[in-house]
N, C-alpha and C. Protein backbone atom coordinates (compact mmCIF):
# COMPACT_ATOMS: atom_id res chain seq x y z
N MET A 1 6.24 67.05 -68.97
CA MET A 1 5.41 66.01 -69.68
C MET A 1 6.03 65.61 -70.95
N LEU A 2 6.49 66.54 -71.74
CA LEU A 2 7.16 66.28 -73.03
C LEU A 2 8.42 65.39 -72.80
N GLU A 3 9.19 65.72 -71.80
CA GLU A 3 10.42 64.96 -71.48
C GLU A 3 10.02 63.56 -71.14
N ARG A 4 8.98 63.42 -70.29
CA ARG A 4 8.54 62.05 -69.92
C ARG A 4 8.07 61.22 -71.11
N ARG A 5 7.37 61.85 -72.04
CA ARG A 5 6.98 61.16 -73.23
C ARG A 5 8.15 60.80 -74.16
N ARG A 6 9.09 61.70 -74.22
CA ARG A 6 10.36 61.35 -75.06
C ARG A 6 11.10 60.16 -74.42
N ARG A 7 11.26 60.16 -73.14
CA ARG A 7 11.91 59.04 -72.40
C ARG A 7 11.19 57.76 -72.65
N ALA A 8 9.82 57.78 -72.57
CA ALA A 8 9.06 56.58 -72.78
C ALA A 8 9.23 56.05 -74.20
N GLU A 9 9.25 57.01 -75.18
CA GLU A 9 9.39 56.61 -76.61
C GLU A 9 10.81 56.00 -76.87
N ASN A 10 11.83 56.71 -76.25
CA ASN A 10 13.24 56.07 -76.30
C ASN A 10 13.26 54.74 -75.67
N ALA A 11 12.62 54.49 -74.56
CA ALA A 11 12.63 53.15 -73.95
C ALA A 11 12.01 52.16 -74.86
N ARG A 12 10.82 52.48 -75.42
CA ARG A 12 10.16 51.56 -76.31
C ARG A 12 10.95 51.20 -77.50
N ALA A 13 11.59 52.25 -78.09
CA ALA A 13 12.44 52.09 -79.27
C ALA A 13 13.70 51.18 -78.90
N ALA A 14 14.31 51.45 -77.70
CA ALA A 14 15.47 50.73 -77.26
C ALA A 14 15.11 49.24 -77.10
N GLY A 15 13.96 48.95 -76.50
CA GLY A 15 13.48 47.55 -76.33
C GLY A 15 13.30 46.89 -77.73
N MET A 16 12.78 47.55 -78.69
CA MET A 16 12.56 47.05 -80.03
C MET A 16 13.93 46.79 -80.60
N LEU A 17 14.92 47.61 -80.46
CA LEU A 17 16.28 47.39 -81.06
C LEU A 17 16.93 46.13 -80.49
N ARG A 18 16.83 46.06 -79.14
CA ARG A 18 17.38 44.92 -78.47
C ARG A 18 16.80 43.61 -79.00
N ALA A 19 15.46 43.64 -79.06
CA ALA A 19 14.70 42.45 -79.59
C ALA A 19 15.12 42.14 -81.03
N PHE A 20 15.23 43.14 -81.83
CA PHE A 20 15.60 42.96 -83.22
C PHE A 20 17.05 42.35 -83.33
N ALA A 21 17.98 42.90 -82.59
CA ALA A 21 19.35 42.38 -82.62
C ALA A 21 19.42 40.91 -82.20
N ALA A 22 18.66 40.53 -81.31
CA ALA A 22 18.62 39.16 -80.84
C ALA A 22 17.88 38.21 -81.91
N ALA A 23 16.83 38.78 -82.54
CA ALA A 23 16.19 38.02 -83.53
C ALA A 23 17.08 37.91 -84.86
N ALA A 24 17.78 38.91 -85.17
CA ALA A 24 18.67 38.87 -86.33
C ALA A 24 19.84 37.92 -86.11
N ALA A 25 20.28 37.93 -84.96
CA ALA A 25 21.40 36.93 -84.64
C ALA A 25 20.88 35.51 -84.77
N ARG A 26 19.66 35.28 -84.17
CA ARG A 26 19.08 33.96 -84.30
C ARG A 26 18.86 33.51 -85.74
N ALA A 27 18.37 34.43 -86.55
CA ALA A 27 18.05 34.21 -87.91
C ALA A 27 19.22 34.11 -88.85
N GLY A 28 20.41 34.55 -88.26
CA GLY A 28 21.70 34.41 -89.08
C GLY A 28 21.80 35.61 -90.05
N LEU A 29 21.10 36.70 -89.77
CA LEU A 29 21.29 37.95 -90.54
C LEU A 29 22.71 38.49 -90.34
N ALA A 30 23.51 38.51 -91.43
CA ALA A 30 24.87 38.91 -91.33
C ALA A 30 24.95 40.37 -90.97
N PRO A 31 25.68 40.76 -89.93
CA PRO A 31 25.95 42.18 -89.77
C PRO A 31 27.14 42.65 -90.63
N GLU A 32 27.24 43.98 -90.75
CA GLU A 32 28.42 44.44 -91.50
C GLU A 32 29.17 45.46 -90.65
N ARG A 33 30.40 45.70 -90.98
CA ARG A 33 31.14 46.73 -90.31
C ARG A 33 30.54 48.11 -90.59
N LEU A 34 30.22 48.91 -89.56
CA LEU A 34 29.59 50.14 -89.75
C LEU A 34 30.61 51.31 -89.97
N ARG A 35 30.25 52.18 -90.84
CA ARG A 35 31.09 53.28 -91.18
C ARG A 35 30.44 54.60 -90.97
N VAL A 36 31.20 55.66 -90.58
CA VAL A 36 30.64 56.94 -90.27
C VAL A 36 30.95 57.84 -91.54
N GLN A 37 29.89 58.63 -91.90
CA GLN A 37 30.02 59.51 -93.05
C GLN A 37 30.33 60.94 -92.59
N GLY A 38 31.13 61.59 -93.21
CA GLY A 38 31.51 63.01 -92.87
C GLY A 38 30.33 63.89 -93.16
N TYR A 39 30.17 64.92 -92.29
CA TYR A 39 29.12 65.97 -92.56
C TYR A 39 29.22 66.57 -93.84
N ASP A 40 30.45 66.83 -94.28
CA ASP A 40 30.70 67.57 -95.62
C ASP A 40 30.49 66.72 -96.79
N GLY A 41 30.31 65.34 -96.55
CA GLY A 41 30.08 64.52 -97.63
C GLY A 41 31.50 64.01 -98.24
N ARG A 42 32.51 64.39 -97.55
CA ARG A 42 33.87 64.05 -98.02
C ARG A 42 34.42 62.96 -97.15
N GLY A 43 34.22 61.73 -97.64
CA GLY A 43 34.87 60.64 -96.90
C GLY A 43 34.00 59.92 -95.82
N THR A 44 34.61 58.79 -95.47
CA THR A 44 34.00 58.04 -94.40
C THR A 44 35.10 57.54 -93.45
N ALA A 45 34.72 56.96 -92.35
CA ALA A 45 35.61 56.45 -91.41
C ALA A 45 35.11 55.15 -90.88
N ARG A 46 35.97 54.20 -90.75
CA ARG A 46 35.52 52.91 -90.15
C ARG A 46 35.36 53.07 -88.66
N THR A 47 34.58 52.18 -88.04
CA THR A 47 34.38 52.17 -86.65
C THR A 47 34.59 50.72 -86.16
N PRO A 48 34.70 50.50 -84.92
CA PRO A 48 34.76 49.15 -84.34
C PRO A 48 33.48 48.44 -84.30
N LEU A 49 32.43 49.12 -84.78
CA LEU A 49 31.02 48.62 -84.63
C LEU A 49 30.59 47.68 -85.79
N THR A 50 29.80 46.71 -85.47
CA THR A 50 29.15 45.88 -86.52
C THR A 50 27.62 46.03 -86.28
N GLY A 51 26.84 45.86 -87.31
CA GLY A 51 25.44 45.99 -87.16
C GLY A 51 24.72 46.02 -88.52
N TRP A 52 23.56 46.69 -88.52
CA TRP A 52 22.68 46.78 -89.74
C TRP A 52 22.26 48.20 -90.01
N TYR A 53 22.54 48.74 -91.09
CA TYR A 53 22.05 49.99 -91.46
C TYR A 53 20.50 50.09 -91.59
N LEU A 54 19.85 51.06 -90.96
CA LEU A 54 18.48 51.18 -90.99
C LEU A 54 17.91 52.02 -92.09
N ARG A 55 18.77 52.84 -92.82
CA ARG A 55 18.33 53.63 -93.88
C ARG A 55 19.28 53.35 -95.02
N GLY A 56 18.69 53.62 -96.28
CA GLY A 56 19.56 53.41 -97.45
C GLY A 56 20.75 54.28 -97.57
N ASP A 57 20.61 55.43 -96.95
CA ASP A 57 21.75 56.47 -97.04
C ASP A 57 22.76 56.12 -95.98
N ARG A 58 22.62 55.06 -95.18
CA ARG A 58 23.62 54.59 -94.19
C ARG A 58 24.04 55.58 -93.11
N THR A 59 23.04 56.42 -92.68
CA THR A 59 23.31 57.38 -91.72
C THR A 59 22.96 56.98 -90.29
N VAL A 60 22.18 55.96 -90.18
CA VAL A 60 21.80 55.39 -88.84
C VAL A 60 21.78 53.93 -88.92
N ALA A 61 22.09 53.26 -87.75
CA ALA A 61 22.12 51.80 -87.70
C ALA A 61 21.82 51.31 -86.35
N VAL A 62 21.52 49.99 -86.30
CA VAL A 62 21.44 49.26 -85.02
C VAL A 62 22.61 48.35 -85.00
N GLY A 63 23.34 48.44 -83.84
CA GLY A 63 24.48 47.60 -83.61
C GLY A 63 24.13 46.30 -83.25
N THR A 64 25.12 45.32 -83.34
CA THR A 64 24.78 43.94 -82.87
C THR A 64 24.59 43.94 -81.35
N ASP A 65 24.89 45.04 -80.71
CA ASP A 65 24.65 45.18 -79.24
C ASP A 65 23.29 45.64 -79.00
N GLY A 66 22.46 45.89 -80.05
CA GLY A 66 21.10 46.36 -79.86
C GLY A 66 20.88 47.88 -79.64
N ARG A 67 21.97 48.56 -79.83
CA ARG A 67 21.91 50.03 -79.54
C ARG A 67 21.85 50.79 -80.86
N PHE A 68 21.33 52.04 -80.85
CA PHE A 68 21.14 52.87 -81.98
C PHE A 68 22.32 53.77 -82.19
N TYR A 69 22.79 53.94 -83.42
CA TYR A 69 23.97 54.67 -83.71
C TYR A 69 23.63 55.66 -84.90
N VAL A 70 23.91 56.98 -84.62
CA VAL A 70 23.95 57.96 -85.74
C VAL A 70 25.28 58.03 -86.37
N LEU A 71 25.31 57.75 -87.62
CA LEU A 71 26.58 57.60 -88.40
C LEU A 71 27.06 58.70 -89.26
N THR A 72 26.82 59.95 -88.78
CA THR A 72 27.32 61.09 -89.44
C THR A 72 28.15 61.90 -88.39
N ALA A 73 29.25 62.47 -88.79
CA ALA A 73 30.11 63.21 -87.80
C ALA A 73 31.04 64.13 -88.58
N ARG A 74 31.61 65.08 -87.89
CA ARG A 74 32.65 65.89 -88.50
C ARG A 74 33.86 64.97 -88.40
N LEU A 75 34.48 64.66 -89.55
CA LEU A 75 35.66 63.79 -89.64
C LEU A 75 36.86 64.51 -89.98
N THR A 76 37.96 64.31 -89.29
CA THR A 76 39.23 64.87 -89.66
C THR A 76 39.89 63.88 -90.64
N ALA A 77 40.96 64.28 -91.22
CA ALA A 77 41.85 63.44 -92.05
C ALA A 77 42.36 62.19 -91.25
N LEU A 78 42.64 62.48 -90.03
CA LEU A 78 43.07 61.35 -89.11
C LEU A 78 42.02 60.44 -88.85
N ASP A 79 40.74 60.90 -88.60
CA ASP A 79 39.67 59.96 -88.49
C ASP A 79 39.43 59.11 -89.64
N ARG A 80 39.52 59.67 -90.89
CA ARG A 80 39.34 58.90 -92.09
C ARG A 80 40.44 57.88 -92.25
N LEU A 81 41.67 58.21 -91.78
CA LEU A 81 42.83 57.24 -91.87
C LEU A 81 42.72 56.10 -90.85
N ARG A 82 42.58 56.50 -89.55
CA ARG A 82 42.65 55.58 -88.38
C ARG A 82 41.32 54.99 -87.99
N GLY A 83 40.20 55.64 -88.37
CA GLY A 83 38.88 55.25 -87.91
C GLY A 83 38.43 56.04 -86.75
N THR A 84 37.23 55.90 -86.25
CA THR A 84 36.71 56.74 -85.14
C THR A 84 35.73 55.85 -84.38
N THR A 85 35.36 56.40 -83.22
CA THR A 85 34.35 55.75 -82.41
C THR A 85 33.09 56.52 -82.44
N VAL A 86 31.98 55.81 -82.23
CA VAL A 86 30.71 56.49 -82.26
C VAL A 86 29.95 56.10 -80.97
N PRO A 87 29.48 57.09 -80.23
CA PRO A 87 28.70 56.72 -79.04
C PRO A 87 27.29 56.37 -79.45
N PRO A 88 26.60 55.46 -78.70
CA PRO A 88 25.24 55.16 -79.00
C PRO A 88 24.33 56.39 -78.68
N SER A 89 23.23 56.49 -79.33
CA SER A 89 22.30 57.69 -79.15
C SER A 89 20.95 57.06 -78.71
N ASP A 90 20.22 57.98 -78.12
CA ASP A 90 18.79 57.63 -77.79
C ASP A 90 17.98 57.23 -79.07
N PRO A 91 17.45 56.09 -79.17
CA PRO A 91 16.71 55.71 -80.39
C PRO A 91 15.40 56.42 -80.46
N PRO A 92 15.04 56.77 -81.68
CA PRO A 92 13.60 57.35 -81.85
C PRO A 92 12.70 56.27 -82.42
N LEU A 93 11.35 56.52 -82.23
CA LEU A 93 10.49 55.52 -82.82
C LEU A 93 10.25 55.82 -84.40
N VAL A 94 10.56 57.08 -84.68
CA VAL A 94 10.45 57.50 -86.15
C VAL A 94 11.83 58.14 -86.51
N ILE A 95 12.48 57.50 -87.39
CA ILE A 95 13.85 57.95 -87.82
C ILE A 95 13.58 59.14 -88.77
N GLY A 96 14.21 60.25 -88.49
CA GLY A 96 14.14 61.46 -89.34
C GLY A 96 12.88 62.23 -89.17
N ALA A 97 12.22 62.05 -88.07
CA ALA A 97 11.02 62.77 -87.71
C ALA A 97 11.31 64.29 -87.79
N GLY A 98 10.52 65.07 -88.38
CA GLY A 98 10.61 66.49 -88.48
C GLY A 98 11.41 66.91 -89.62
N GLY A 99 11.88 65.95 -90.42
CA GLY A 99 12.67 66.31 -91.59
C GLY A 99 11.86 66.52 -92.81
N LYS A 100 12.43 66.52 -94.00
CA LYS A 100 11.59 66.77 -95.20
C LYS A 100 10.63 65.57 -95.44
N ASP A 101 9.57 65.86 -96.25
CA ASP A 101 8.60 64.87 -96.52
C ASP A 101 9.36 63.68 -97.18
N GLY A 102 9.01 62.53 -96.78
CA GLY A 102 9.68 61.31 -97.32
C GLY A 102 10.95 60.94 -96.64
N ASP A 103 11.46 61.80 -95.76
CA ASP A 103 12.76 61.42 -95.10
C ASP A 103 12.47 60.68 -93.79
N SER A 104 11.33 60.65 -93.28
CA SER A 104 11.09 59.97 -92.02
C SER A 104 10.70 58.46 -92.29
N LEU A 105 11.06 57.68 -91.38
CA LEU A 105 10.85 56.21 -91.42
C LEU A 105 10.54 55.67 -90.16
N ALA A 106 9.40 54.97 -90.02
CA ALA A 106 9.06 54.35 -88.70
C ALA A 106 10.11 53.26 -88.37
N LEU A 107 10.54 53.22 -87.09
CA LEU A 107 11.54 52.27 -86.76
C LEU A 107 11.05 50.82 -87.01
N PRO A 108 9.86 50.44 -86.69
CA PRO A 108 9.42 49.03 -86.97
C PRO A 108 9.48 48.76 -88.44
N ALA A 109 9.17 49.71 -89.34
CA ALA A 109 9.27 49.42 -90.77
C ALA A 109 10.71 49.22 -91.24
N ALA A 110 11.58 50.00 -90.65
CA ALA A 110 13.02 49.90 -91.02
C ALA A 110 13.47 48.52 -90.62
N LEU A 111 13.11 48.02 -89.46
CA LEU A 111 13.59 46.74 -88.95
C LEU A 111 12.95 45.62 -89.76
N THR A 112 11.74 45.73 -90.07
CA THR A 112 11.03 44.70 -90.86
C THR A 112 11.62 44.56 -92.29
N ARG A 113 12.03 45.69 -92.78
CA ARG A 113 12.71 45.69 -94.14
C ARG A 113 13.99 44.84 -94.06
N LEU A 114 14.69 44.94 -92.94
CA LEU A 114 15.95 44.20 -92.80
C LEU A 114 15.63 42.70 -92.52
N LEU A 115 14.63 42.41 -91.71
CA LEU A 115 14.32 41.04 -91.40
C LEU A 115 12.80 40.80 -91.37
N PRO A 116 12.30 40.49 -92.60
CA PRO A 116 10.76 40.34 -92.66
C PRO A 116 10.34 39.28 -91.79
N GLY A 117 9.27 39.58 -91.09
CA GLY A 117 8.63 38.64 -90.12
C GLY A 117 9.24 38.58 -88.74
N TRP A 118 10.17 39.41 -88.47
CA TRP A 118 10.77 39.33 -87.15
C TRP A 118 9.72 39.76 -86.15
N ASP A 119 9.72 39.26 -84.98
CA ASP A 119 8.66 39.49 -83.98
C ASP A 119 9.01 40.59 -83.07
N GLY A 120 8.75 41.86 -83.39
CA GLY A 120 9.04 42.99 -82.63
C GLY A 120 7.96 43.47 -81.79
């Protein structure tokens, strides 16, 4: 039952992200090149992805493809030099749920902050 609920929440969040990406493109919201941050806080690596960061700390984003990306990883020196790829992740309805107080952010609120008035 918990797994079914998780899948339903992921599906709802995925639909929201696809709708947001389409609305952002229509509105002319400029995407930016997404970067991955190293776990150790030492450096970043470029990715081939473009999109919009959902949090101020730039650890998660929605790509122009409407998919959810976690932008933290263990980076090697080669990753920092050449760049890296990031697979899409299952999107949550609450970013950072279960974290410290103040660290969680509802997905609709994050999207509205990027594009006020979007119809999600």
